[in-house]
Amino acid sequence: MTDSFPRLRPWSRPTEALGLLLSGATARTCLPVALVVGTVLSVVNQGDVVAQGMAGLTVGLKVVANYAIPFLTSSTGALLAVRDRSVRHG
C-alpha cells in the first residue's frame, strides 16, 4: 500500500501547515480534485454567460473561485490528515 500523501510531513503549528500549502505539498493530490470540481462548477454556474460571450471581470473572478475553493478545501483535508496532535503548544 502506498502513502496517500507522500510529500506531506506531520505538522503541529498553523504556520507549518501554511508553509506546506504554499510550498505546493498538497498540489499533487489536490489539484486534480480542484480541476474536476472547478470545471463542473464553472460550467454549471457561469457556462451560459461565457457561451454568450458576456463574461467580464466578475465572471472571471467567480471562475477563479470555482477552482480555488475546492483546492483549498481538499488541501485542508489533506493537511488535517497529517496533523501531529501529540505536540502541545503553550
PDB file of N, CA and C in Angstrom:
ATOM      1  N   MET A   1       0.847  -1.184   0.000  1.00  0.00           N
ATOM      2  CA  MET A   1       0.000   0.000   0.000  1.00  0.00           C
ATOM      3  C   MET A   1       0.890   1.243   0.000  1.00  0.00           C
ATOM      4  N   THR A   2       0.563   2.215  -0.826  1.00  0.00           N
ATOM      5  CA  THR A   2       1.361   3.434  -0.885  1.00  0.00           C
ATOM      6  C   THR A   2       0.728   4.512  -0.039  1.00  0.00           C
ATOM      7  N   ASP A   3       1.563   5.425   0.412  1.00  0.00           N
ATOM      8  CA  ASP A   3       1.103   6.544   1.229  1.00  0.00           C
ATOM      9  C   ASP A   3       0.320   7.520   0.353  1.00  0.00           C
ATOM     10  N   SER A   4      -0.859   7.929   0.815  1.00  0.00           N
ATOM     11  CA  SER A   4      -1.701   8.837   0.035  1.00  0.00           C
ATOM     12  C   SER A   4      -1.089  10.230  -0.104  1.00  0.00           C
ATOM     13  N   PHE A   5      -0.351  10.656   0.901  1.00  0.00           N
ATOM     14  CA  PHE A   5       0.227  11.993   0.907  1.00  0.00           C
ATOM     15  C   PHE A   5       1.731  11.894   1.147  1.00  0.00           C
ATOM     16  N   PRO A   6       2.494  11.373   0.177  1.00  0.00           N
ATOM     17  CA  PRO A   6       3.908  11.111   0.410  1.00  0.00           C
ATOM     18  C   PRO A   6       4.742  12.356   0.668  1.00  0.00           C
ATOM     19  N   ARG A   7       4.348  13.506   0.184  1.00  0.00           N
ATOM     20  CA  ARG A   7       5.140  14.717   0.343  1.00  0.00           C
ATOM     21  C   ARG A   7       4.716  15.533   1.550  1.00  0.00           C
ATOM     22  N   LEU A   8       3.671  15.122   2.238  1.00  0.00           N
ATOM     23  CA  LEU A   8       3.198  15.869   3.395  1.00  0.00           C
ATOM     24  C   LEU A   8       3.833  15.315   4.656  1.00  0.00           C
ATOM     25  N   ARG A   9       4.503  16.165   5.377  1.00  0.00           N
ATOM     26  CA  ARG A   9       5.072  15.749   6.652  1.00  0.00           C
ATOM     27  C   ARG A   9       4.147  16.218   7.765  1.00  0.00           C
ATOM     28  N   PRO A  10       4.176  15.548   8.893  1.00  0.00           N
ATOM     29  CA  PRO A  10       3.330  15.978  10.005  1.00  0.00           C
ATOM     30  C   PRO A  10       3.655  17.408  10.427  1.00  0.00           C
ATOM     31  N   TRP A  11       2.646  18.110  10.840  1.00  0.00           N
ATOM     32  CA  TRP A  11       2.801  19.493  11.293  1.00  0.00           C
ATOM     33  C   TRP A  11       2.014  19.668  12.581  1.00  0.00           C
ATOM     34  N   SER A  12       2.387  20.668  13.367  1.00  0.00           N
ATOM     35  CA  SER A  12       1.665  20.917  14.606  1.00  0.00           C
ATOM     36  C   SER A  12       1.246  22.378  14.767  1.00  0.00           C
ATOM     37  N   ARG A  13       1.894  23.269  14.082  1.00  0.00           N
ATOM     38  CA  ARG A  13       1.545  24.697  14.159  1.00  0.00           C
ATOM     39  C   ARG A  13       0.895  25.135  12.846  1.00  0.00           C
ATOM     40  N   PRO A  14      -0.071  26.037  12.931  1.00  0.00           N
ATOM     41  CA  PRO A  14      -0.718  26.522  11.702  1.00  0.00           C
ATOM     42  C   PRO A  14       0.269  27.101  10.691  1.00  0.00           C
ATOM     43  N   THR A  15       1.330  27.744  11.174  1.00  0.00           N
ATOM     44  CA  THR A  15       2.310  28.304  10.239  1.00  0.00           C
ATOM     45  C   THR A  15       3.019  27.199   9.458  1.00  0.00           C
ATOM     46  N   GLU A  16       3.205  26.025  10.078  1.00  0.00           N
ATOM     47  CA  GLU A  16       3.800  24.893   9.369  1.00  0.00           C
ATOM     48  C   GLU A  16       2.860  24.386   8.276  1.00  0.00           C
ATOM     49  N   ALA A  17       1.573  24.323   8.591  1.00  0.00           N
ATOM     50  CA  ALA A  17       0.581  23.889   7.603  1.00  0.00           C
ATOM     51  C   ALA A  17       0.531  24.863   6.437  1.00  0.00           C
ATOM     52  N   LEU A  18       0.562  26.154   6.736  1.00  0.00           N
ATOM     53  CA  LEU A  18       0.553  27.163   5.682  1.00  0.00           C
ATOM     54  C   LEU A  18       1.798  27.027   4.808  1.00  0.00           C
ATOM     55  N   GLY A  19       2.936  26.760   5.431  1.00  0.00           N
ATOM     56  CA  GLY A  19       4.173  26.556   4.678  1.00  0.00           C
ATOM     57  C   GLY A  19       4.073  25.370   3.736  1.00  0.00           C
ATOM     58  N   LEU A  20       3.463  24.284   4.212  1.00  0.00           N
ATOM     59  CA  LEU A  20       3.268  23.114   3.354  1.00  0.00           C
ATOM     60  C   LEU A  20       2.362  23.450   2.174  1.00  0.00           C
ATOM     61  N   LEU A  21       1.283  24.174   2.461  1.00  0.00           N
ATOM     62  CA  LEU A  21       0.351  24.561   1.398  1.00  0.00           C
ATOM     63  C   LEU A  21       1.046  25.442   0.363  1.00  0.00           C
ATOM     64  N   LEU A  22       1.767  26.459   0.837  1.00  0.00           N
ATOM     65  CA  LEU A  22       2.424  27.396  -0.077  1.00  0.00           C
ATOM     66  C   LEU A  22       3.586  26.762  -0.836  1.00  0.00           C
ATOM     67  N   SER A  23       4.185  25.720  -0.286  1.00  0.00           N
ATOM     68  CA  SER A  23       5.294  25.052  -0.981  1.00  0.00           C
ATOM     69  C   SER A  23       4.788  24.097  -2.062  1.00  0.00           C
ATOM     70  N   GLY A  24       3.487  23.893  -2.125  1.00  0.00           N
ATOM     71  CA  GLY A  24       2.916  23.022  -3.137  1.00  0.00           C
ATOM     72  C   GLY A  24       2.834  21.570  -2.716  1.00  0.00           C
ATOM     73  N   ALA A  25       2.998  21.297  -1.423  1.00  0.00           N
ATOM     74  CA  ALA A  25       2.994  19.916  -0.941  1.00  0.00           C
ATOM     75  C   ALA A  25       1.656  19.211  -1.173  1.00  0.00           C
ATOM     76  N   THR A  26       0.563  19.965  -1.230  1.00  0.00           N
ATOM     77  CA  THR A  26      -0.750  19.355  -1.440  1.00  0.00           C
ATOM     78  C   THR A  26      -1.150  19.319  -2.916  1.00  0.00           C
ATOM     79  N   ALA A  27      -0.356  19.922  -3.756  1.00  0.00           N
ATOM     80  CA  ALA A  27      -0.747  20.093  -5.162  1.00  0.00           C
ATOM     81  C   ALA A  27      -0.974  18.770  -5.887  1.00  0.00           C
ATOM     82  N   ARG A  28      -0.095  17.791  -5.686  1.00  0.00           N
ATOM     83  CA  ARG A  28      -0.181  16.546  -6.450  1.00  0.00           C
ATOM     84  C   ARG A  28      -1.507  15.815  -6.227  1.00  0.00           C
ATOM     85  N   THR A  29      -2.003  15.845  -5.006  1.00  0.00           N
ATOM     86  CA  THR A  29      -3.238  15.131  -4.720  1.00  0.00           C
ATOM     87  C   THR A  29      -4.478  16.025  -4.827  1.00  0.00           C
ATOM     88  N   CYS A  30      -4.319  17.303  -4.579  1.00  0.00           N
ATOM     89  CA  CYS A  30      -5.495  18.178  -4.504  1.00  0.00           C
ATOM     90  C   CYS A  30      -5.783  18.942  -5.797  1.00  0.00           C
ATOM     91  N   LEU A  31      -4.787  19.150  -6.614  1.00  0.00           N
ATOM     92  CA  LEU A  31      -5.010  19.863  -7.873  1.00  0.00           C
ATOM     93  C   LEU A  31      -5.968  19.127  -8.807  1.00  0.00           C
ATOM     94  N   PRO A  32      -5.852  17.799  -8.972  1.00  0.00           N
ATOM     95  CA  PRO A  32      -6.830  17.105  -9.829  1.00  0.00           C
ATOM     96  C   PRO A  32      -8.265  17.254  -9.325  1.00  0.00           C
ATOM     97  N   VAL A  33      -8.449  17.225  -8.021  1.00  0.00           N
ATOM     98  CA  VAL A  33      -9.788  17.421  -7.444  1.00  0.00           C
ATOM     99  C   VAL A  33     -10.301  18.807  -7.811  1.00  0.00           C
ATOM    100  N   ALA A  34      -9.453  19.820  -7.627  1.00  0.00           N
ATOM    101  CA  ALA A  34      -9.852  21.195  -7.924  1.00  0.00           C
ATOM    102  C   ALA A  34     -10.164  21.383  -9.408  1.00  0.00           C
ATOM    103  N   LEU A  35      -9.411  20.725 -10.282  1.00  0.00           N
ATOM    104  CA  LEU A  35      -9.663  20.866 -11.719  1.00  0.00           C
ATOM    105  C   LEU A  35     -11.011  20.281 -12.113  1.00  0.00           C
ATOM    106  N   VAL A  36     -11.334  19.113 -11.575  1.00  0.00           N
ATOM    107  CA  VAL A  36     -12.614  18.477 -11.909  1.00  0.00           C
ATOM    108  C   VAL A  36     -13.775  19.275 -11.302  1.00  0.00           C
ATOM    109  N   VAL A  37     -13.708  19.530 -10.015  1.00  0.00           N
ATOM    110  CA  VAL A  37     -14.811  20.229  -9.343  1.00  0.00           C
ATOM    111  C   VAL A  37     -14.943  21.654  -9.859  1.00  0.00           C
ATOM    112  N   GLY A  38     -13.823  22.340 -10.050  1.00  0.00           N
ATOM    113  CA  GLY A  38     -13.862  23.718 -10.556  1.00  0.00           C
ATOM    114  C   GLY A  38     -14.464  23.809 -11.940  1.00  0.00           C
ATOM    115  N   THR A  39     -14.138  22.843 -12.789  1.00  0.00           N
ATOM    116  CA  THR A  39     -14.701  22.834 -14.145  1.00  0.00           C
ATOM    117  C   THR A  39     -16.206  22.600 -14.106  1.00  0.00           C
ATOM    118  N   VAL A  40     -16.633  21.630 -13.307  1.00  0.00           N
ATOM    119  CA  VAL A  40     -18.072  21.354 -13.193  1.00  0.00           C
ATOM    120  C   VAL A  40     -18.805  22.587 -12.664  1.00  0.00           C
ATOM    121  N   LEU A  41     -18.285  23.191 -11.604  1.00  0.00           N
ATOM    122  CA  LEU A  41     -18.935  24.380 -11.041  1.00  0.00           C
ATOM    123  C   LEU A  41     -18.973  25.530 -12.046  1.00  0.00           C
ATOM    124  N   SER A  42     -17.889  25.717 -12.766  1.00  0.00           N
ATOM    125  CA  SER A  42     -17.838  26.810 -13.743  1.00  0.00           C
ATOM    126  C   SER A  42     -18.830  26.609 -14.872  1.00  0.00           C
ATOM    127  N   VAL A  43     -18.932  25.377 -15.363  1.00  0.00           N
ATOM    128  CA  VAL A  43     -19.886  25.094 -16.445  1.00  0.00           C
ATOM    129  C   VAL A  43     -21.316  25.280 -15.949  1.00  0.00           C
ATOM    130  N   VAL A  44     -21.604  24.756 -14.764  1.00  0.00           N
ATOM    131  CA  VAL A  44     -22.963  24.845 -14.227  1.00  0.00           C
ATOM    132  C   VAL A  44     -23.335  26.289 -13.893  1.00  0.00           C
ATOM    133  N   ASN A  45     -22.418  27.017 -13.253  1.00  0.00           N
ATOM    134  CA  ASN A  45     -22.772  28.349 -12.738  1.00  0.00           C
ATOM    135  C   ASN A  45     -22.510  29.504 -13.698  1.00  0.00           C
ATOM    136  N   GLN A  46     -21.492  29.396 -14.543  1.00  0.00           N
ATOM    137  CA  GLN A  46     -21.168  30.515 -15.434  1.00  0.00           C
ATOM    138  C   GLN A  46     -21.107  30.121 -16.906  1.00  0.00           C
ATOM    139  N   GLY A  47     -21.390  28.878 -17.208  1.00  0.00           N
ATOM    140  CA  GLY A  47     -21.278  28.397 -18.586  1.00  0.00           C
ATOM    141  C   GLY A  47     -22.106  29.166 -19.583  1.00  0.00           C
ATOM    142  N   ASP A  48     -23.335  29.480 -19.226  1.00  0.00           N
ATOM    143  CA  ASP A  48     -24.204  30.192 -20.169  1.00  0.00           C
ATOM    144  C   ASP A  48     -23.700  31.602 -20.458  1.00  0.00           C
ATOM    145  N   VAL A  49     -23.185  32.268 -19.425  1.00  0.00           N
ATOM    146  CA  VAL A  49     -22.672  33.631 -19.602  1.00  0.00           C
ATOM    147  C   VAL A  49     -21.419  33.608 -20.482  1.00  0.00           C
ATOM    148  N   VAL A  50     -20.539  32.648 -20.238  1.00  0.00           N
ATOM    149  CA  VAL A  50     -19.323  32.523 -21.046  1.00  0.00           C
ATOM    150  C   VAL A  50     -19.681  32.171 -22.491  1.00  0.00           C
ATOM    151  N   ALA A  51     -20.627  31.239 -22.674  1.00  0.00           N
ATOM    152  CA  ALA A  51     -21.035  30.823 -24.016  1.00  0.00           C
ATOM    153  C   ALA A  51     -21.641  31.975 -24.814  1.00  0.00           C
ATOM    154  N   GLN A  52     -22.300  32.902 -24.132  1.00  0.00           N
ATOM    155  CA  GLN A  52     -22.903  34.060 -24.796  1.00  0.00           C
ATOM    156  C   GLN A  52     -21.892  35.170 -25.045  1.00  0.00           C
ATOM    157  N   GLY A  53     -20.659  34.965 -24.570  1.00  0.00           N
ATOM    158  CA  GLY A  53     -19.619  35.974 -24.757  1.00  0.00           C
ATOM    159  C   GLY A  53     -19.788  37.189 -23.880  1.00  0.00           C
ATOM    160  N   MET A  54     -20.495  37.034 -22.769  1.00  0.00           N
ATOM    161  CA  MET A  54     -20.780  38.164 -21.890  1.00  0.00           C
ATOM    162  C   MET A  54     -19.987  38.117 -20.590  1.00  0.00           C
ATOM    163  N   ALA A  55     -18.963  37.300 -20.558  1.00  0.00           N
ATOM    164  CA  ALA A  55     -18.170  37.166 -19.339  1.00  0.00           C
ATOM    165  C   ALA A  55     -17.262  38.370 -19.167  1.00  0.00           C
ATOM    166  N   GLY A  56     -17.339  38.957 -18.001  1.00  0.00           N
ATOM    167  CA  GLY A  56     -16.475  40.083 -17.666  1.00  0.00           C
ATOM    168  C   GLY A  56     -15.589  39.727 -16.481  1.00  0.00           C
ATOM    169  N   LEU A  57     -15.082  40.729 -15.833  1.00  0.00           N
ATOM    170  CA  LEU A  57     -14.189  40.537 -14.694  1.00  0.00           C
ATOM    171  C   LEU A  57     -14.871  39.779 -13.563  1.00  0.00           C
ATOM    172  N   THR A  58     -16.114  40.105 -13.276  1.00  0.00           N
ATOM    173  CA  THR A  58     -16.838  39.447 -12.191  1.00  0.00           C
ATOM    174  C   THR A  58     -16.976  37.953 -12.454  1.00  0.00           C
ATOM    175  N   VAL A  59     -17.331  37.588 -13.653  1.00  0.00           N
ATOM    176  CA  VAL A  59     -17.455  36.169 -14.010  1.00  0.00           C
ATOM    177  C   VAL A  59     -16.085  35.506 -13.935  1.00  0.00           C
ATOM    178  N   GLY A  60     -15.064  36.192 -14.396  1.00  0.00           N
ATOM    179  CA  GLY A  60     -13.710  35.655 -14.324  1.00  0.00           C
ATOM    180  C   GLY A  60     -13.287  35.368 -12.893  1.00  0.00           C
ATOM    181  N   LEU A  61     -13.609  36.270 -11.986  1.00  0.00           N
ATOM    182  CA  LEU A  61     -13.281  36.070 -10.568  1.00  0.00           C
ATOM    183  C   LEU A  61     -14.068  34.904  -9.983  1.00  0.00           C
ATOM    184  N   LYS A  62     -15.311  34.749 -10.411  1.00  0.00           N
ATOM    185  CA  LYS A  62     -16.119  33.614  -9.945  1.00  0.00           C
ATOM    186  C   LYS A  62     -15.529  32.296 -10.432  1.00  0.00           C
ATOM    187  N   VAL A  63     -15.058  32.275 -11.657  1.00  0.00           N
ATOM    188  CA  VAL A  63     -14.441  31.059 -12.198  1.00  0.00           C
ATOM    189  C   VAL A  63     -13.162  30.734 -11.420  1.00  0.00           C
ATOM    190  N   VAL A  64     -12.358  31.736 -11.124  1.00  0.00           N
ATOM    191  CA  VAL A  64     -11.152  31.523 -10.320  1.00  0.00           C
ATOM    192  C   VAL A  64     -11.539  30.939  -8.965  1.00  0.00           C
ATOM    193  N   ALA A  65     -12.567  31.486  -8.347  1.00  0.00           N
ATOM    194  CA  ALA A  65     -13.031  30.972  -7.048  1.00  0.00           C
ATOM    195  C   ALA A  65     -13.525  29.534  -7.174  1.00  0.00           C
ATOM    196  N   ASN A  66     -14.144  29.199  -8.309  1.00  0.00           N
ATOM    197  CA  ASN A  66     -14.626  27.833  -8.519  1.00  0.00           C
ATOM    198  C   ASN A  66     -13.487  26.817  -8.498  1.00  0.00           C
ATOM    199  N   TYR A  67     -12.286  27.232  -8.833  1.00  0.00           N
ATOM    200  CA  TYR A  67     -11.118  26.349  -8.772  1.00  0.00           C
ATOM    201  C   TYR A  67     -10.395  26.464  -7.429  1.00  0.00           C
ATOM    202  N   ALA A  68     -10.300  27.669  -6.903  1.00  0.00           N
ATOM    203  CA  ALA A  68      -9.559  27.894  -5.655  1.00  0.00           C
ATOM    204  C   ALA A  68     -10.234  27.246  -4.452  1.00  0.00           C
ATOM    205  N   ILE A  69     -11.548  27.343  -4.370  1.00  0.00           N
ATOM    206  CA  ILE A  69     -12.262  26.822  -3.197  1.00  0.00           C
ATOM    207  C   ILE A  69     -12.116  25.303  -3.075  1.00  0.00           C
ATOM    208  N   PRO A  70     -12.325  24.506  -4.120  1.00  0.00           N
ATOM    209  CA  PRO A  70     -12.110  23.067  -3.958  1.00  0.00           C
ATOM    210  C   PRO A  70     -10.639  22.719  -3.681  1.00  0.00           C
ATOM    211  N   PHE A  71      -9.713  23.489  -4.252  1.00  0.00           N
ATOM    212  CA  PHE A  71      -8.302  23.226  -3.973  1.00  0.00           C
ATOM    213  C   PHE A  71      -7.997  23.461  -2.499  1.00  0.00           C
ATOM    214  N   LEU A  72      -8.451  24.575  -1.970  1.00  0.00           N
ATOM    215  CA  LEU A  72      -8.197  24.879  -0.559  1.00  0.00           C
ATOM    216  C   LEU A  72      -8.926  23.912   0.363  1.00  0.00           C
ATOM    217  N   THR A  73     -10.120  23.499  -0.014  1.00  0.00           N
ATOM    218  CA  THR A  73     -10.875  22.550   0.801  1.00  0.00           C
ATOM    219  C   THR A  73     -10.194  21.190   0.833  1.00  0.00           C
ATOM    220  N   SER A  74      -9.800  20.678  -0.315  1.00  0.00           N
ATOM    221  CA  SER A  74      -9.131  19.370  -0.326  1.00  0.00           C
ATOM    222  C   SER A  74      -7.746  19.455   0.298  1.00  0.00           C
ATOM    223  N   SER A  75      -7.063  20.576   0.149  1.00  0.00           N
ATOM    224  CA  SER A  75      -5.765  20.761   0.798  1.00  0.00           C
ATOM    225  C   SER A  75      -5.908  20.777   2.313  1.00  0.00           C
ATOM    226  N   THR A  76      -6.949  21.428   2.802  1.00  0.00           N
ATOM    227  CA  THR A  76      -7.196  21.450   4.245  1.00  0.00           C
ATOM    228  C   THR A  76      -7.426  20.039   4.764  1.00  0.00           C
ATOM    229  N   GLY A  77      -8.212  19.258   4.049  1.00  0.00           N
ATOM    230  CA  GLY A  77      -8.447  17.869   4.446  1.00  0.00           C
ATOM    231  C   GLY A  77      -7.164  17.061   4.452  1.00  0.00           C
ATOM    232  N   ALA A  78      -6.328  17.246   3.431  1.00  0.00           N
ATOM    233  CA  ALA A  78      -5.062  16.514   3.361  1.00  0.00           C
ATOM    234  C   ALA A  78      -4.137  16.919   4.505  1.00  0.00           C
ATOM    235  N   LEU A  79      -4.084  18.202   4.783  1.00  0.00           N
ATOM    236  CA  LEU A  79      -3.222  18.671   5.870  1.00  0.00           C
ATOM    237  C   LEU A  79      -3.731  18.216   7.233  1.00  0.00           C
ATOM    238  N   LEU A  80      -5.034  18.217   7.419  1.00  0.00           N
ATOM    239  CA  LEU A  80      -5.581  17.746   8.699  1.00  0.00           C
ATOM    240  C   LEU A  80      -5.317  16.259   8.906  1.00  0.00           C
ATOM    241  N   ALA A  81      -5.211  15.517   7.817  1.00  0.00           N
ATOM    242  CA  ALA A  81      -4.938  14.082   7.917  1.00  0.00           C
ATOM    243  C   ALA A  81      -3.540  13.800   8.454  1.00  0.00           C
ATOM    244  N   VAL A  82      -2.607  14.748   8.284  1.00  0.00           N
ATOM    245  CA  VAL A  82      -1.233  14.529   8.753  1.00  0.00           C
ATOM    246  C   VAL A  82      -0.861  15.432   9.936  1.00  0.00           C
ATOM    247  N   ARG A  83      -1.857  16.049  10.538  1.00  0.00           N
ATOM    248  CA  ARG A  83      -1.594  16.928  11.683  1.00  0.00           C
ATOM    249  C   ARG A  83      -1.085  16.103  12.871  1.00  0.00           C
ATOM    250  N   ASP A  84      -0.049  16.605  13.511  1.00  0.00           N
ATOM    251  CA  ASP A  84       0.518  15.961  14.688  1.00  0.00           C
ATOM    252  C   ASP A  84      -0.154  16.537  15.929  1.00  0.00           C
ATOM    253  N   ARG A  85      -1.126  15.826  16.458  1.00  0.00           N
ATOM    254  CA  ARG A  85      -1.881  16.310  17.616  1.00  0.00           C
ATOM    255  C   ARG A  85      -1.189  16.025  18.934  1.00  0.00           C
ATOM    256  N   SER A  86      -0.066  15.301  18.891  1.00  0.00           N
ATOM    257  CA  SER A  86       0.623  14.961  20.145  1.00  0.00           C
ATOM    258  C   SER A  86       1.451  16.129  20.678  1.00  0.00           C
ATOM    259  N   VAL A  87       1.739  17.115  19.820  1.00  0.00           N
ATOM    260  CA  VAL A  87       2.537  18.269  20.237  1.00  0.00           C
ATOM    261  C   VAL A  87       1.617  19.322  20.823  1.00  0.00           C
ATOM    262  N   ARG A  88       1.917  19.740  22.028  1.00  0.00           N
ATOM    263  CA  ARG A  88       1.126  20.786  22.685  1.00  0.00           C
ATOM    264  C   ARG A  88       1.911  22.084  22.705  1.00  0.00           C
ATOM    265  N   HIS A  89       1.230  23.164  22.371  1.00  0.00           N
ATOM    266  CA  HIS A  89       1.864  24.481  22.380  1.00  0.00           C
ATOM    267  C   HIS A  89       1.251  25.314  23.487  1.00  0.00           C
ATOM    268  N   GLY A  90       2.110  25.933  24.277  1.00  0.00           N
ATOM    269  CA  GLY A  90       1.684  26.657  25.456  1.00  0.00           C
ATOM    270  C   GLY A  90       0.910  27.842  25.199  1.00  0.00           C
TER     271      GLY A  90
END
